[in-house]
Amino acid sequence: MSLYERILAFRERRHVTTALNTSDQGPLFPAKDGGYYHYKNLSNYIVRIIERTELPFLKERTDRITPHYFRHFYAIYSRQQGADIFLIQKELGHSDRKTTERYLEKVLQREQEIGLMWKEQDF
């Protein structure tokens, strides 16, 4: 079954029109009450999928991995790969650089540790 066919089948189960057109202002995936899903619905769904994987490192975590966690990972990993803060800010859609700096706080602190600049092969 194609993705389009799955969308139509979902809409049929929700008893809404399957004639998709530009004048339809309703949600593509209506909730049971016909309204919109709240972003927390998707976030909680993703958290549950992650937890069901039972990956070993999840047992050692005290906090849950949420979709927002991936934004932080993206920012941190991008910086570690040499990306400029401005580019990361732009990619994440932050209007204020300080928001991006909060994402990168530990990375930026580590970058300021002079001892990490020493080259091990010199010793």
Protein backbone atom coordinates (compact mmCIF):
# COMPACT_ATOMS: atom_id res chain seq x y z
CA MET A 1 0.00 0.00 0.00
CA SER A 2 1.40 3.41 -0.94
CA LEU A 3 1.75 6.26 1.54
CA TYR A 4 -1.06 8.12 -0.22
CA GLU A 5 -3.35 5.09 0.11
CA ARG A 6 -2.49 4.86 3.82
CA ILE A 7 -3.42 8.52 4.31
CA LEU A 8 -6.74 7.95 2.56
CA ALA A 9 -7.44 4.85 4.67
CA PHE A 10 -6.66 6.80 7.85
CA ARG A 11 -9.00 9.61 6.80
CA GLU A 12 -11.74 7.08 6.00
CA ARG A 13 -11.40 5.60 9.50
CA ARG A 14 -11.82 9.11 10.91
CA HIS A 15 -14.94 9.65 8.75
CA VAL A 16 -13.55 12.70 6.92
CA THR A 17 -13.42 13.32 3.20
CA THR A 18 -10.76 11.54 1.21
CA ALA A 19 -10.94 14.13 -1.56
CA LEU A 20 -7.80 16.06 -0.72
CA ASN A 21 -7.81 19.57 -2.16
CA THR A 22 -6.37 22.99 -1.46
CA SER A 23 -9.62 24.41 -0.11
CA ASP A 24 -9.70 21.84 2.72
CA GLN A 25 -8.42 23.70 5.79
CA GLY A 26 -8.85 20.75 8.15
CA PRO A 27 -6.00 18.62 9.46
CA LEU A 28 -4.47 16.05 7.13
CA PHE A 29 -4.47 13.58 10.04
CA PRO A 30 -7.48 14.48 12.17
CA ALA A 31 -7.68 13.39 15.80
CA LYS A 32 -10.67 11.32 16.94
CA ASP A 33 -12.59 14.51 17.72
CA GLY A 34 -11.89 15.83 14.20
CA GLY A 35 -9.46 18.47 15.46
CA TYR A 36 -5.70 18.77 15.21
CA TYR A 37 -3.18 16.63 17.01
CA HIS A 38 -1.13 18.59 19.52
CA TYR A 39 2.64 18.43 18.96
CA LYS A 40 2.93 16.59 22.30
CA ASN A 41 1.03 13.65 20.78
CA LEU A 42 3.77 13.05 18.24
CA SER A 43 6.51 13.72 20.79
CA ASN A 44 5.06 11.17 23.24
CA TYR A 45 4.60 8.64 20.43
CA ILE A 46 8.27 8.95 19.43
CA VAL A 47 9.40 8.65 23.08
CA ARG A 48 7.42 5.41 23.42
CA ILE A 49 8.95 3.99 20.22
CA ILE A 50 12.45 4.82 21.47
CA GLU A 51 11.75 3.20 24.84
CA ARG A 52 10.39 0.03 23.18
CA THR A 53 13.74 -0.47 21.43
CA GLU A 54 15.20 -1.41 24.82
CA LEU A 55 18.64 -0.29 23.70
CA PRO A 56 21.12 -0.98 26.52
CA PHE A 57 22.19 2.65 27.00
CA LEU A 58 18.57 3.66 27.68
CA LYS A 59 18.60 1.69 30.95
CA GLU A 60 21.38 3.90 32.28
CA ARG A 61 19.67 7.20 31.47
CA THR A 62 17.68 9.06 34.08
CA ASP A 63 15.88 11.23 31.52
CA ARG A 64 13.88 10.32 28.43
CA ILE A 65 15.08 10.83 24.88
CA THR A 66 12.58 13.16 23.24
CA PRO A 67 12.43 14.69 19.75
CA HIS A 68 13.81 17.89 21.29
CA TYR A 69 16.85 15.89 22.41
CA PHE A 70 17.67 15.37 18.72
CA ARG A 71 17.81 19.16 18.19
CA HIS A 72 20.40 19.40 20.95
CA PHE A 73 22.36 16.50 19.47
CA TYR A 74 22.26 18.13 16.03
CA ALA A 75 23.63 21.39 17.44
CA ILE A 76 26.36 19.74 19.51
CA TYR A 77 27.50 17.34 16.80
CA SER A 78 27.50 20.11 14.19
CA ARG A 79 29.71 22.25 16.41
CA GLN A 80 32.07 19.36 17.10
CA GLN A 81 32.41 18.93 13.34
CA GLY A 82 33.47 22.57 13.01
CA ALA A 83 30.20 24.35 12.22
CA ASP A 84 29.96 28.02 13.09
CA ILE A 85 27.44 29.00 15.79
CA PHE A 86 25.69 31.33 13.33
CA LEU A 87 25.07 28.46 10.89
CA ILE A 88 23.77 26.23 13.68
CA GLN A 89 21.52 29.06 14.89
CA LYS A 90 20.16 29.48 11.37
CA GLU A 91 19.55 25.74 10.89
CA LEU A 92 17.70 25.44 14.21
CA GLY A 93 15.63 28.55 13.50
CA HIS A 94 16.72 30.38 16.64
CA SER A 95 16.17 34.12 16.43
CA ASP A 96 18.61 34.78 19.28
CA ARG A 97 22.19 33.53 19.30
CA LYS A 98 21.99 33.10 23.08
CA THR A 99 19.47 30.28 22.63
CA THR A 100 21.94 28.40 20.44
CA GLU A 101 24.72 29.09 22.94
CA ARG A 102 22.60 27.46 25.68
CA TYR A 103 22.34 24.35 23.49
CA LEU A 104 26.12 24.39 23.12
CA GLU A 105 27.07 25.51 26.64
CA LYS A 106 29.18 22.47 27.59
CA VAL A 107 30.83 22.27 24.15
CA LEU A 108 31.77 25.96 24.22
CA GLN A 109 33.19 25.59 27.74
CA ARG A 110 35.29 22.63 26.64
CA GLU A 111 36.59 24.62 23.66
CA GLN A 112 37.95 27.19 26.13
CA GLU A 113 40.00 24.63 28.09
CA ILE A 114 43.56 25.45 27.11
CA GLY A 115 44.88 22.00 27.99
CA LEU A 116 42.76 20.44 25.26
CA MET A 117 44.66 22.50 22.69
CA TRP A 118 47.92 20.72 23.47
CA LYS A 119 49.01 18.15 20.94
CA GLU A 120 49.58 14.76 22.53
CA GLN A 121 52.31 13.86 20.04
CA ASP A 122 54.45 16.72 21.41
CA PHE A 123 55.03 14.79 24.63
